[in-house]
Amino acid sequence: MAQKSFHRTDRVSAQLRRDLGSIVHAAVRDHGLPSVSVSDVEVSRDLAHAKVFVTALMPERSGEAVKGLKVLAPLLRSELARAMKLRHVPELHFHYDDSVDNGERIDNLLRDLPDTGAGED
C-alpha cells in the first residue's frame, strides 16, 4: 500500500494560508484597503520565503490592494510570528492571483458561444 508523503513545506504553507487568511482580513479592514482573500501560499524549501497569492473582490483595485499588503508585510509577519510556533517565520511576498479572473473570463467566453446543437439526436 502506497503511503502519501507530506512534506514540511506543505504543512507550513497550509498553516500559513489559514493564519494569514484571518490576519490579512483584519489588516485590510483596519487600513482601508480593498477587500482581498488569501488563495494560496507557496513556501520555499528552506522556509525563508513565502509567496502569498491573494484574490480581490474588486479586480480593478487589485494593484492597490497588493501594493498596500507589500507595505504591511513586516507588520503581518510579526503578527504571524505570534500566531505560529515557528522558530523563523518566512518573509512574505504578496502576489495577485489572477486565476479566478481568468476562469471567469473563460466561463463567460464559453457561455457566449453559439449553441451548435452538437450531441443532440
PDB file of N, CA and C in Angstrom:
ATOM      1  N   MET A   1       0.839  -1.174   0.000  1.00  0.00           N
ATOM      2  CA  MET A   1       0.000   0.000   0.000  1.00  0.00           C
ATOM      3  C   MET A   1       0.888   1.242   0.000  1.00  0.00           C
ATOM      4  N   ALA A   2       0.694   2.102  -0.995  1.00  0.00           N
ATOM      5  CA  ALA A   2       1.500   3.312  -1.109  1.00  0.00           C
ATOM      6  C   ALA A   2       1.041   4.339  -0.078  1.00  0.00           C
ATOM      7  N   GLN A   3       2.017   4.945   0.550  1.00  0.00           N
ATOM      8  CA  GLN A   3       1.696   5.934   1.574  1.00  0.00           C
ATOM      9  C   GLN A   3       2.009   7.318   1.035  1.00  0.00           C
ATOM     10  N   LYS A   4       1.091   8.258   1.253  1.00  0.00           N
ATOM     11  CA  LYS A   4       1.316   9.626   0.813  1.00  0.00           C
ATOM     12  C   LYS A   4       2.415  10.246   1.656  1.00  0.00           C
ATOM     13  N   SER A   5       3.235  11.061   1.009  1.00  0.00           N
ATOM     14  CA  SER A   5       4.262  11.753   1.774  1.00  0.00           C
ATOM     15  C   SER A   5       3.834  13.207   1.934  1.00  0.00           C
ATOM     16  N   PHE A   6       3.886  13.687   3.144  1.00  0.00           N
ATOM     17  CA  PHE A   6       3.546  15.062   3.437  1.00  0.00           C
ATOM     18  C   PHE A   6       4.829  15.775   3.835  1.00  0.00           C
ATOM     19  N   HIS A   7       5.227  16.711   3.012  1.00  0.00           N
ATOM     20  CA  HIS A   7       6.458  17.440   3.282  1.00  0.00           C
ATOM     21  C   HIS A   7       6.183  18.573   4.260  1.00  0.00           C
ATOM     22  N   ARG A   8       7.191  18.953   4.979  1.00  0.00           N
ATOM     23  CA  ARG A   8       7.032  20.014   5.975  1.00  0.00           C
ATOM     24  C   ARG A   8       6.609  21.310   5.311  1.00  0.00           C
ATOM     25  N   THR A   9       7.141  21.594   4.126  1.00  0.00           N
ATOM     26  CA  THR A   9       6.768  22.834   3.443  1.00  0.00           C
ATOM     27  C   THR A   9       5.271  22.863   3.125  1.00  0.00           C
ATOM     28  N   ASP A  10       4.697  21.708   2.801  1.00  0.00           N
ATOM     29  CA  ASP A  10       3.254  21.645   2.533  1.00  0.00           C
ATOM     30  C   ASP A  10       2.454  21.943   3.798  1.00  0.00           C
ATOM     31  N   ARG A  11       2.882  21.375   4.910  1.00  0.00           N
ATOM     32  CA  ARG A  11       2.171  21.612   6.169  1.00  0.00           C
ATOM     33  C   ARG A  11       2.300  23.066   6.610  1.00  0.00           C
ATOM     34  N   VAL A  12       3.508  23.620   6.450  1.00  0.00           N
ATOM     35  CA  VAL A  12       3.724  25.018   6.842  1.00  0.00           C
ATOM     36  C   VAL A  12       2.918  25.953   5.947  1.00  0.00           C
ATOM     37  N   SER A  13       2.895  25.680   4.640  1.00  0.00           N
ATOM     38  CA  SER A  13       2.139  26.559   3.738  1.00  0.00           C
ATOM     39  C   SER A  13       0.641  26.493   4.031  1.00  0.00           C
ATOM     40  N   ALA A  14       0.132  25.322   4.394  1.00  0.00           N
ATOM     41  CA  ALA A  14      -1.284  25.202   4.746  1.00  0.00           C
ATOM     42  C   ALA A  14      -1.591  25.986   6.023  1.00  0.00           C
ATOM     43  N   GLN A  15      -0.702  25.900   7.000  1.00  0.00           N
ATOM     44  CA  GLN A  15      -0.896  26.652   8.238  1.00  0.00           C
ATOM     45  C   GLN A  15      -0.796  28.156   7.989  1.00  0.00           C
ATOM     46  N   LEU A  16       0.163  28.558   7.156  1.00  0.00           N
ATOM     47  CA  LEU A  16       0.298  29.975   6.805  1.00  0.00           C
ATOM     48  C   LEU A  16      -0.964  30.483   6.120  1.00  0.00           C
ATOM     49  N   ARG A  17      -1.509  29.695   5.213  1.00  0.00           N
ATOM     50  CA  ARG A  17      -2.717  30.102   4.488  1.00  0.00           C
ATOM     51  C   ARG A  17      -3.875  30.315   5.462  1.00  0.00           C
ATOM     52  N   ARG A  18      -4.035  29.405   6.421  1.00  0.00           N
ATOM     53  CA  ARG A  18      -5.111  29.536   7.412  1.00  0.00           C
ATOM     54  C   ARG A  18      -4.917  30.783   8.277  1.00  0.00           C
ATOM     55  N   ASP A  19      -3.711  30.929   8.837  1.00  0.00           N
ATOM     56  CA  ASP A  19      -3.459  32.046   9.750  1.00  0.00           C
ATOM     57  C   ASP A  19      -3.448  33.386   9.013  1.00  0.00           C
ATOM     58  N   LEU A  20      -2.830  33.425   7.837  1.00  0.00           N
ATOM     59  CA  LEU A  20      -2.787  34.678   7.081  1.00  0.00           C
ATOM     60  C   LEU A  20      -4.169  35.104   6.611  1.00  0.00           C
ATOM     61  N   GLY A  21      -5.046  34.149   6.376  1.00  0.00           N
ATOM     62  CA  GLY A  21      -6.398  34.487   5.952  1.00  0.00           C
ATOM     63  C   GLY A  21      -7.066  35.431   6.923  1.00  0.00           C
ATOM     64  N   SER A  22      -7.009  35.108   8.205  1.00  0.00           N
ATOM     65  CA  SER A  22      -7.651  35.963   9.210  1.00  0.00           C
ATOM     66  C   SER A  22      -6.835  37.230   9.470  1.00  0.00           C
ATOM     67  N   ILE A  23      -5.505  37.121   9.459  1.00  0.00           N
ATOM     68  CA  ILE A  23      -4.664  38.294   9.714  1.00  0.00           C
ATOM     69  C   ILE A  23      -4.816  39.319   8.593  1.00  0.00           C
ATOM     70  N   VAL A  24      -4.802  38.855   7.342  1.00  0.00           N
ATOM     71  CA  VAL A  24      -4.949  39.764   6.200  1.00  0.00           C
ATOM     72  C   VAL A  24      -6.340  40.379   6.194  1.00  0.00           C
ATOM     73  N   HIS A  25      -7.354  39.596   6.516  1.00  0.00           N
ATOM     74  CA  HIS A  25      -8.717  40.115   6.555  1.00  0.00           C
ATOM     75  C   HIS A  25      -8.825  41.281   7.548  1.00  0.00           C
ATOM     76  N   ALA A  26      -8.245  41.110   8.717  1.00  0.00           N
ATOM     77  CA  ALA A  26      -8.275  42.169   9.734  1.00  0.00           C
ATOM     78  C   ALA A  26      -7.458  43.382   9.293  1.00  0.00           C
ATOM     79  N   ALA A  27      -6.294  43.153   8.700  1.00  0.00           N
ATOM     80  CA  ALA A  27      -5.434  44.260   8.262  1.00  0.00           C
ATOM     81  C   ALA A  27      -6.090  45.067   7.153  1.00  0.00           C
ATOM     82  N   VAL A  28      -6.753  44.390   6.233  1.00  0.00           N
ATOM     83  CA  VAL A  28      -7.441  45.070   5.140  1.00  0.00           C
ATOM     84  C   VAL A  28      -8.537  45.966   5.703  1.00  0.00           C
ATOM     85  N   ARG A  29      -9.276  45.436   6.648  1.00  0.00           N
ATOM     86  CA  ARG A  29     -10.366  46.201   7.267  1.00  0.00           C
ATOM     87  C   ARG A  29      -9.814  47.397   8.049  1.00  0.00           C
ATOM     88  N   ASP A  30      -8.747  47.189   8.820  1.00  0.00           N
ATOM     89  CA  ASP A  30      -8.187  48.250   9.654  1.00  0.00           C
ATOM     90  C   ASP A  30      -7.522  49.362   8.847  1.00  0.00           C
ATOM     91  N   HIS A  31      -6.928  49.027   7.709  1.00  0.00           N
ATOM     92  CA  HIS A  31      -6.159  50.008   6.937  1.00  0.00           C
ATOM     93  C   HIS A  31      -6.909  50.532   5.720  1.00  0.00           C
ATOM     94  N   GLY A  32      -8.153  50.129   5.553  1.00  0.00           N
ATOM     95  CA  GLY A  32      -8.965  50.653   4.465  1.00  0.00           C
ATOM     96  C   GLY A  32      -8.542  50.214   3.073  1.00  0.00           C
ATOM     97  N   LEU A  33      -7.951  49.034   2.981  1.00  0.00           N
ATOM     98  CA  LEU A  33      -7.545  48.504   1.673  1.00  0.00           C
ATOM     99  C   LEU A  33      -8.725  47.797   1.013  1.00  0.00           C
ATOM    100  N   PRO A  34      -8.665  47.633  -0.309  1.00  0.00           N
ATOM    101  CA  PRO A  34      -9.715  46.855  -0.979  1.00  0.00           C
ATOM    102  C   PRO A  34      -9.737  45.417  -0.449  1.00  0.00           C
ATOM    103  N   SER A  35     -10.916  44.842  -0.401  1.00  0.00           N
ATOM    104  CA  SER A  35     -11.105  43.513   0.165  1.00  0.00           C
ATOM    105  C   SER A  35     -10.371  42.443  -0.650  1.00  0.00           C
ATOM    106  N   VAL A  36      -9.573  41.646   0.035  1.00  0.00           N
ATOM    107  CA  VAL A  36      -8.842  40.543  -0.597  1.00  0.00           C
ATOM    108  C   VAL A  36      -8.959  39.305   0.279  1.00  0.00           C
ATOM    109  N   SER A  37      -8.683  38.153  -0.323  1.00  0.00           N
ATOM    110  CA  SER A  37      -8.601  36.919   0.449  1.00  0.00           C
ATOM    111  C   SER A  37      -7.368  36.150  -0.015  1.00  0.00           C
ATOM    112  N   VAL A  38      -6.793  35.404   0.894  1.00  0.00           N
ATOM    113  CA  VAL A  38      -5.593  34.613   0.600  1.00  0.00           C
ATOM    114  C   VAL A  38      -6.033  33.339  -0.110  1.00  0.00           C
ATOM    115  N   SER A  39      -5.546  33.145  -1.345  1.00  0.00           N
ATOM    116  CA  SER A  39      -5.950  31.968  -2.104  1.00  0.00           C
ATOM    117  C   SER A  39      -4.932  30.836  -2.004  1.00  0.00           C
ATOM    118  N   ASP A  40      -3.653  31.173  -1.876  1.00  0.00           N
ATOM    119  CA  ASP A  40      -2.636  30.128  -1.803  1.00  0.00           C
ATOM    120  C   ASP A  40      -1.367  30.700  -1.200  1.00  0.00           C
ATOM    121  N   VAL A  41      -0.548  29.827  -0.624  1.00  0.00           N
ATOM    122  CA  VAL A  41       0.761  30.205  -0.097  1.00  0.00           C
ATOM    123  C   VAL A  41       1.752  29.142  -0.530  1.00  0.00           C
ATOM    124  N   GLU A  42       2.858  29.580  -1.122  1.00  0.00           N
ATOM    125  CA  GLU A  42       3.945  28.676  -1.506  1.00  0.00           C
ATOM    126  C   GLU A  42       5.170  29.046  -0.681  1.00  0.00           C
ATOM    127  N   VAL A  43       5.729  28.058   0.007  1.00  0.00           N
ATOM    128  CA  VAL A  43       6.870  28.290   0.883  1.00  0.00           C
ATOM    129  C   VAL A  43       8.115  27.700   0.237  1.00  0.00           C
ATOM    130  N   SER A  44       9.240  28.425   0.317  1.00  0.00           N
ATOM    131  CA  SER A  44      10.498  27.909  -0.214  1.00  0.00           C
ATOM    132  C   SER A  44      10.957  26.725   0.634  1.00  0.00           C
ATOM    133  N   ARG A  45      11.847  25.926   0.070  1.00  0.00           N
ATOM    134  CA  ARG A  45      12.298  24.709   0.768  1.00  0.00           C
ATOM    135  C   ARG A  45      12.955  25.005   2.108  1.00  0.00           C
ATOM    136  N   ASP A  46      13.664  26.144   2.176  1.00  0.00           N
ATOM    137  CA  ASP A  46      14.332  26.496   3.431  1.00  0.00           C
ATOM    138  C   ASP A  46      13.428  27.277   4.391  1.00  0.00           C
ATOM    139  N   LEU A  47      12.161  27.450   4.025  1.00  0.00           N
ATOM    140  CA  LEU A  47      11.146  28.135   4.832  1.00  0.00           C
ATOM    141  C   LEU A  47      11.498  29.595   5.118  1.00  0.00           C
ATOM    142  N   ALA A  48      12.352  30.192   4.273  1.00  0.00           N
ATOM    143  CA  ALA A  48      12.751  31.581   4.483  1.00  0.00           C
ATOM    144  C   ALA A  48      11.822  32.560   3.777  1.00  0.00           C
ATOM    145  N   HIS A  49      11.173  32.119   2.704  1.00  0.00           N
ATOM    146  CA  HIS A  49      10.317  32.995   1.922  1.00  0.00           C
ATOM    147  C   HIS A  49       8.981  32.321   1.641  1.00  0.00           C
ATOM    148  N   ALA A  50       7.931  33.135   1.610  1.00  0.00           N
ATOM    149  CA  ALA A  50       6.604  32.624   1.295  1.00  0.00           C
ATOM    150  C   ALA A  50       5.955  33.542   0.267  1.00  0.00           C
ATOM    151  N   LYS A  51       5.519  32.965  -0.848  1.00  0.00           N
ATOM    152  CA  LYS A  51       4.744  33.704  -1.832  1.00  0.00           C
ATOM    153  C   LYS A  51       3.288  33.584  -1.418  1.00  0.00           C
ATOM    154  N   VAL A  52       2.661  34.714  -1.158  1.00  0.00           N
ATOM    155  CA  VAL A  52       1.266  34.732  -0.723  1.00  0.00           C
ATOM    156  C   VAL A  52       0.431  35.239  -1.892  1.00  0.00           C
ATOM    157  N   PHE A  53      -0.455  34.394  -2.397  1.00  0.00           N
ATOM    158  CA  PHE A  53      -1.308  34.764  -3.523  1.00  0.00           C
ATOM    159  C   PHE A  53      -2.662  35.204  -2.986  1.00  0.00           C
ATOM    160  N   VAL A  54      -3.096  36.384  -3.419  1.00  0.00           N
ATOM    161  CA  VAL A  54      -4.371  36.924  -2.964  1.00  0.00           C
ATOM    162  C   VAL A  54      -5.281  37.191  -4.154  1.00  0.00           C
ATOM    163  N   THR A  55      -6.577  37.063  -3.927  1.00  0.00           N
ATOM    164  CA  THR A  55      -7.577  37.427  -4.929  1.00  0.00           C
ATOM    165  C   THR A  55      -8.380  38.590  -4.365  1.00  0.00           C
ATOM    166  N   ALA A  56      -8.791  39.474  -5.272  1.00  0.00           N
ATOM    167  CA  ALA A  56      -9.514  40.675  -4.851  1.00  0.00           C
ATOM    168  C   ALA A  56     -10.986  40.546  -5.196  1.00  0.00           C
ATOM    169  N   LEU A  57     -11.816  41.097  -4.333  1.00  0.00           N
ATOM    170  CA  LEU A  57     -13.245  41.133  -4.594  1.00  0.00           C
ATOM    171  C   LEU A  57     -13.536  42.055  -5.779  1.00  0.00           C
ATOM    172  N   MET A  58     -12.753  43.127  -5.871  1.00  0.00           N
ATOM    173  CA  MET A  58     -12.847  44.062  -6.996  1.00  0.00           C
ATOM    174  C   MET A  58     -11.538  43.992  -7.772  1.00  0.00           C
ATOM    175  N   PRO A  59     -11.480  43.211  -8.853  1.00  0.00           N
ATOM    176  CA  PRO A  59     -10.222  43.020  -9.578  1.00  0.00           C
ATOM    177  C   PRO A  59      -9.594  44.313 -10.085  1.00  0.00           C
ATOM    178  N   GLU A  60     -10.415  45.330 -10.346  1.00  0.00           N
ATOM    179  CA  GLU A  60      -9.865  46.590 -10.848  1.00  0.00           C
ATOM    180  C   GLU A  60      -9.038  47.322  -9.780  1.00  0.00           C
ATOM    181  N   ARG A  61      -9.211  46.967  -8.509  1.00  0.00           N
ATOM    182  CA  ARG A  61      -8.437  47.593  -7.426  1.00  0.00           C
ATOM    183  C   ARG A  61      -7.389  46.642  -6.851  1.00  0.00           C
ATOM    184  N   SER A  62      -7.077  45.573  -7.590  1.00  0.00           N
ATOM    185  CA  SER A  62      -6.142  44.567  -7.083  1.00  0.00           C
ATOM    186  C   SER A  62      -4.732  45.130  -6.911  1.00  0.00           C
ATOM    187  N   GLY A  63      -4.303  46.009  -7.828  1.00  0.00           N
ATOM    188  CA  GLY A  63      -2.969  46.596  -7.723  1.00  0.00           C
ATOM    189  C   GLY A  63      -2.804  47.393  -6.446  1.00  0.00           C
ATOM    190  N   GLU A  64      -3.826  48.161  -6.112  1.00  0.00           N
ATOM    191  CA  GLU A  64      -3.811  48.956  -4.879  1.00  0.00           C
ATOM    192  C   GLU A  64      -3.742  48.042  -3.656  1.00  0.00           C
ATOM    193  N   ALA A  65      -4.497  46.954  -3.687  1.00  0.00           N
ATOM    194  CA  ALA A  65      -4.519  46.024  -2.558  1.00  0.00           C
ATOM    195  C   ALA A  65      -3.168  45.356  -2.362  1.00  0.00           C
ATOM    196  N   VAL A  66      -2.570  44.876  -3.445  1.00  0.00           N
ATOM    197  CA  VAL A  66      -1.270  44.186  -3.340  1.00  0.00           C
ATOM    198  C   VAL A  66      -0.193  45.165  -2.890  1.00  0.00           C
ATOM    199  N   LYS A  67      -0.235  46.388  -3.409  1.00  0.00           N
ATOM    200  CA  LYS A  67       0.747  47.397  -3.010  1.00  0.00           C
ATOM    201  C   LYS A  67       0.632  47.681  -1.512  1.00  0.00           C
ATOM    202  N   GLY A  68      -0.591  47.792  -1.004  1.00  0.00           N
ATOM    203  CA  GLY A  68      -0.804  48.017   0.422  1.00  0.00           C
ATOM    204  C   GLY A  68      -0.329  46.854   1.271  1.00  0.00           C
ATOM    205  N   LEU A  69      -0.580  45.633   0.796  1.00  0.00           N
ATOM    206  CA  LEU A  69      -0.129  44.451   1.543  1.00  0.00           C
ATOM    207  C   LEU A  69       1.393  44.359   1.576  1.00  0.00           C
ATOM    208  N   LYS A  70       2.044  44.766   0.484  1.00  0.00           N
ATOM    209  CA  LYS A  70       3.511  44.744   0.467  1.00  0.00           C
ATOM    210  C   LYS A  70       4.076  45.723   1.496  1.00  0.00           C
ATOM    211  N   VAL A  71       3.409  46.865   1.657  1.00  0.00           N
ATOM    212  CA  VAL A  71       3.840  47.837   2.672  1.00  0.00           C
ATOM    213  C   VAL A  71       3.620  47.274   4.077  1.00  0.00           C
ATOM    214  N   LEU A  72       2.507  46.557   4.255  1.00  0.00           N
ATOM    215  CA  LEU A  72       2.173  46.000   5.568  1.00  0.00           C
ATOM    216  C   LEU A  72       2.865  44.667   5.867  1.00  0.00           C
ATOM    217  N   ALA A  73       3.638  44.134   4.927  1.00  0.00           N
ATOM    218  CA  ALA A  73       4.238  42.803   5.078  1.00  0.00           C
ATOM    219  C   ALA A  73       5.020  42.622   6.381  1.00  0.00           C
ATOM    220  N   PRO A  74       5.871  43.569   6.783  1.00  0.00           N
ATOM    221  CA  PRO A  74       6.591  43.359   8.057  1.00  0.00           C
ATOM    222  C   PRO A  74       5.652  43.263   9.270  1.00  0.00           C
ATOM    223  N   LEU A  75       4.602  44.086   9.287  1.00  0.00           N
ATOM    224  CA  LEU A  75       3.628  44.032  10.380  1.00  0.00           C
ATOM    225  C   LEU A  75       2.877  42.700  10.367  1.00  0.00           C
ATOM    226  N   LEU A  76       2.465  42.264   9.179  1.00  0.00           N
ATOM    227  CA  LEU A  76       1.755  40.993   9.058  1.00  0.00           C
ATOM    228  C   LEU A  76       2.645  39.829   9.479  1.00  0.00           C
ATOM    229  N   ARG A  77       3.920  39.913   9.140  1.00  0.00           N
ATOM    230  CA  ARG A  77       4.870  38.856   9.507  1.00  0.00           C
ATOM    231  C   ARG A  77       5.016  38.768  11.030  1.00  0.00           C
ATOM    232  N   SER A  78       5.057  39.918  11.693  1.00  0.00           N
ATOM    233  CA  SER A  78       5.192  39.888  13.162  1.00  0.00           C
ATOM    234  C   SER A  78       3.922  39.345  13.812  1.00  0.00           C
ATOM    235  N   GLU A  79       2.750  39.676  13.264  1.00  0.00           N
ATOM    236  CA  GLU A  79       1.503  39.107  13.790  1.00  0.00           C
ATOM    237  C   GLU A  79       1.461  37.598  13.553  1.00  0.00           C
ATOM    238  N   LEU A  80       1.974  37.184  12.415  1.00  0.00           N
ATOM    239  CA  LEU A  80       2.021  35.763  12.092  1.00  0.00           C
ATOM    240  C   LEU A  80       2.962  35.028  13.053  1.00  0.00           C
ATOM    241  N   ALA A  81       4.060  35.677  13.429  1.00  0.00           N
ATOM    242  CA  ALA A  81       5.016  35.067  14.355  1.00  0.00           C
ATOM    243  C   ALA A  81       4.360  34.806  15.708  1.00  0.00           C
ATOM    244  N   ARG A  82       3.454  35.703  16.122  1.00  0.00           N
ATOM    245  CA  ARG A  82       2.749  35.495  17.389  1.00  0.00           C
ATOM    246  C   ARG A  82       1.740  34.355  17.285  1.00  0.00           C
ATOM    247  N   ALA A  83       1.195  34.153  16.079  1.00  0.00           N
ATOM    248  CA  ALA A  83       0.155  33.139  15.899  1.00  0.00           C
ATOM    249  C   ALA A  83       0.728  31.739  15.687  1.00  0.00           C
ATOM    250  N   MET A  84       1.934  31.647  15.139  1.00  0.00           N
ATOM    251  CA  MET A  84       2.514  30.336  14.795  1.00  0.00           C
ATOM    252  C   MET A  84       3.664  29.993  15.718  1.00  0.00           C
ATOM    253  N   LYS A  85       3.910  28.697  15.828  1.00  0.00           N
ATOM    254  CA  LYS A  85       5.032  28.237  16.632  1.00  0.00           C
ATOM    255  C   LYS A  85       6.164  27.789  15.698  1.00  0.00           C
ATOM    256  N   LEU A  86       6.767  28.767  15.045  1.00  0.00           N
ATOM    257  CA  LEU A  86       7.914  28.513  14.180  1.00  0.00           C
ATOM    258  C   LEU A  86       9.101  29.308  14.708  1.00  0.00           C
ATOM    259  N   ARG A  87      10.273  28.750  14.584  1.00  0.00           N
ATOM    260  CA  ARG A  87      11.466  29.474  15.014  1.00  0.00           C
ATOM    261  C   ARG A  87      11.683  30.691  14.129  1.00  0.00           C
ATOM    262  N   HIS A  88      11.554  30.495  12.818  1.00  0.00           N
ATOM    263  CA  HIS A  88      11.709  31.591  11.858  1.00  0.00           C
ATOM    264  C   HIS A  88      10.463  31.650  10.988  1.00  0.00           C
ATOM    265  N   VAL A  89       9.792  32.788  10.996  1.00  0.00           N
ATOM    266  CA  VAL A  89       8.608  32.972  10.158  1.00  0.00           C
ATOM    267  C   VAL A  89       9.095  33.460   8.797  1.00  0.00           C
ATOM    268  N   PRO A  90       8.595  32.870   7.717  1.00  0.00           N
ATOM    269  CA  PRO A  90       9.067  33.256   6.383  1.00  0.00           C
ATOM    270  C   PRO A  90       8.784  34.721   6.054  1.00  0.00           C
ATOM    271  N   GLU A  91       9.642  35.292   5.221  1.00  0.00           N
ATOM    272  CA  GLU A  91       9.420  36.639   4.703  1.00  0.00           C
ATOM    273  C   GLU A  91       8.266  36.555   3.705  1.00  0.00           C
ATOM    274  N   LEU A  92       7.320  37.469   3.797  1.00  0.00           N
ATOM    275  CA  LEU A  92       6.108  37.405   2.984  1.00  0.00           C
ATOM    276  C   LEU A  92       6.257  38.232   1.709  1.00  0.00           C
ATOM    277  N   HIS A  93       5.910  37.614   0.579  1.00  0.00           N
ATOM    278  CA  HIS A  93       5.920  38.285  -0.724  1.00  0.00           C
ATOM    279  C   HIS A  93       4.515  38.140  -1.309  1.00  0.00           C
ATOM    280  N   PHE A  94       3.814  39.258  -1.459  1.00  0.00           N
ATOM    281  CA  PHE A  94       2.427  39.223  -1.918  1.00  0.00           C
ATOM    282  C   PHE A  94       2.344  39.333  -3.438  1.00  0.00           C
ATOM    283  N   HIS A  95       1.478  38.492  -4.029  1.00  0.00           N
ATOM    284  CA  HIS A  95       1.243  38.471  -5.481  1.00  0.00           C
ATOM    285  C   HIS A  95      -0.257  38.355  -5.718  1.00  0.00           C
ATOM    286  N   TYR A  96      -0.707  38.993  -6.804  1.00  0.00           N
ATOM    287  CA  TYR A  96      -2.118  38.879  -7.146  1.00  0.00           C
ATOM    288  C   TYR A  96      -2.346  37.581  -7.909  1.00  0.00           C
ATOM    289  N   ASP A  97      -3.344  36.822  -7.505  1.00  0.00           N
ATOM    290  CA  ASP A  97      -3.693  35.551  -8.148  1.00  0.00           C
ATOM    291  C   ASP A  97      -4.807  35.815  -9.156  1.00  0.00           C
ATOM    292  N   ASP A  98      -4.445  35.838 -10.425  1.00  0.00           N
ATOM    293  CA  ASP A  98      -5.437  36.152 -11.456  1.00  0.00           C
ATOM    294  C   ASP A  98      -6.124  34.913 -12.018  1.00  0.00           C
ATOM    295  N   SER A  99      -5.934  33.774 -11.401  1.00  0.00           N
ATOM    296  CA  SER A  99      -6.549  32.547 -11.919  1.00  0.00           C
ATOM    297  C   SER A  99      -8.074  32.609 -11.833  1.00  0.00           C
ATOM    298  N   VAL A 100      -8.597  33.250 -10.795  1.00  0.00           N
ATOM    299  CA  VAL A 100     -10.053  33.377 -10.668  1.00  0.00           C
ATOM    300  C   VAL A 100     -10.594  34.266 -11.784  1.00  0.00           C
ATOM    301  N   ASP A 101      -9.899  35.373 -12.049  1.00  0.00           N
ATOM    302  CA  ASP A 101     -10.315  36.275 -13.127  1.00  0.00           C
ATOM    303  C   ASP A 101     -10.253  35.571 -14.475  1.00  0.00           C
ATOM    304  N   ASN A 102      -9.183  34.804 -14.705  1.00  0.00           N
ATOM    305  CA  ASN A 102      -9.061  34.060 -15.963  1.00  0.00           C
ATOM    306  C   ASN A 102     -10.165  33.017 -16.096  1.00  0.00           C
ATOM    307  N   GLY A 103     -10.493  32.352 -15.005  1.00  0.00           N
ATOM    308  CA  GLY A 103     -11.570  31.360 -15.025  1.00  0.00           C
ATOM    309  C   GLY A 103     -12.913  31.990 -15.356  1.00  0.00           C
ATOM    310  N   GLU A 104     -13.184  33.152 -14.768  1.00  0.00           N
ATOM    311  CA  GLU A 104     -14.433  33.858 -15.062  1.00  0.00           C
ATOM    312  C   GLU A 104     -14.482  34.291 -16.527  1.00  0.00           C
ATOM    313  N   ARG A 105     -13.347  34.780 -17.030  1.00  0.00           N
ATOM    314  CA  ARG A 105     -13.290  35.229 -18.422  1.00  0.00           C
ATOM    315  C   ARG A 105     -13.547  34.060 -19.369  1.00  0.00           C
ATOM    316  N   ILE A 106     -12.934  32.919 -19.102  1.00  0.00           N
ATOM    317  CA  ILE A 106     -13.137  31.733 -19.936  1.00  0.00           C
ATOM    318  C   ILE A 106     -14.577  31.255 -19.838  1.00  0.00           C
ATOM    319  N   ASP A 107     -15.132  31.272 -18.639  1.00  0.00           N
ATOM    320  CA  ASP A 107     -16.523  30.864 -18.440  1.00  0.00           C
ATOM    321  C   ASP A 107     -17.467  31.763 -19.244  1.00  0.00           C
ATOM    322  N   ASN A 108     -17.215  33.067 -19.212  1.00  0.00           N
ATOM    323  CA  ASN A 108     -18.047  33.996 -19.981  1.00  0.00           C
ATOM    324  C   ASN A 108     -17.908  33.764 -21.479  1.00  0.00           C
ATOM    325  N   LEU A 109     -16.687  33.480 -21.937  1.00  0.00           N
ATOM    326  CA  LEU A 109     -16.482  33.202 -23.361  1.00  0.00           C
ATOM    327  C   LEU A 109     -17.229  31.940 -23.782  1.00  0.00           C
ATOM    328  N   LEU A 110     -17.164  30.909 -22.952  1.00  0.00           N
ATOM    329  CA  LEU A 110     -17.865  29.665 -23.278  1.00  0.00           C
ATOM    330  C   LEU A 110     -19.372  29.853 -23.253  1.00  0.00           C
ATOM    331  N   ARG A 111     -19.850  30.650 -22.328  1.00  0.00           N
ATOM    332  CA  ARG A 111     -21.275  30.910 -22.232  1.00  0.00           C
ATOM    333  C   ARG A 111     -21.784  31.690 -23.455  1.00  0.00           C
ATOM    334  N   ASP A 112     -20.921  32.552 -24.004  1.00  0.00           N
ATOM    335  CA  ASP A 112     -21.310  33.381 -25.154  1.00  0.00           C
ATOM    336  C   ASP A 112     -21.211  32.639 -26.490  1.00  0.00           C
ATOM    337  N   LEU A 113     -20.636  31.443 -26.493  1.00  0.00           N
ATOM    338  CA  LEU A 113     -20.524  30.673 -27.739  1.00  0.00           C
ATOM    339  C   LEU A 113     -21.923  30.302 -28.240  1.00  0.00           C
ATOM    340  N   PRO A 114     -22.124  30.386 -29.550  1.00  0.00           N
ATOM    341  CA  PRO A 114     -23.440  29.973 -30.066  1.00  0.00           C
ATOM    342  C   PRO A 114     -23.619  28.465 -29.901  1.00  0.00           C
ATOM    343  N   ASP A 115     -24.823  28.056 -29.595  1.00  0.00           N
ATOM    344  CA  ASP A 115     -25.129  26.637 -29.425  1.00  0.00           C
ATOM    345  C   ASP A 115     -25.151  25.969 -30.798  1.00  0.00           C
ATOM    346  N   THR A 116     -24.242  25.022 -31.027  1.00  0.00           N
ATOM    347  CA  THR A 116     -24.135  24.365 -32.335  1.00  0.00           C
ATOM    348  C   THR A 116     -25.049  23.166 -32.449  1.00  0.00           C
ATOM    349  N   GLY A 117     -25.645  22.769 -31.350  1.00  0.00           N
ATOM    350  CA  GLY A 117     -26.536  21.611 -31.375  1.00  0.00           C
ATOM    351  C   GLY A 117     -25.791  20.297 -31.405  1.00  0.00           C
ATOM    352  N   ALA A 118     -24.497  20.298 -31.098  1.00  0.00           N
ATOM    353  CA  ALA A 118     -23.713  19.063 -31.106  1.00  0.00           C
ATOM    354  C   ALA A 118     -24.174  18.172 -29.957  1.00  0.00           C
ATOM    355  N   GLY A 119     -24.241  16.911 -30.209  1.00  0.00           N
ATOM    356  CA  GLY A 119     -24.612  15.951 -29.190  1.00  0.00           C
ATOM    357  C   GLY A 119     -26.126  15.707 -29.148  1.00  0.00           C
ATOM    358  N   GLU A 120     -26.887  16.394 -29.947  1.00  0.00           N
ATOM    359  CA  GLU A 120     -28.329  16.181 -29.970  1.00  0.00           C
ATOM    360  C   GLU A 120     -28.665  15.186 -31.052  1.00  0.00           C
ATOM    361  N   ASP A 121     -29.719  14.390 -30.859  1.00  0.00           N
ATOM    362  CA  ASP A 121     -30.131  13.417 -31.861  1.00  0.00           C
ATOM    363  C   ASP A 121     -31.364  13.891 -32.580  1.00  0.00           C
TER     364      ASP A 121
END
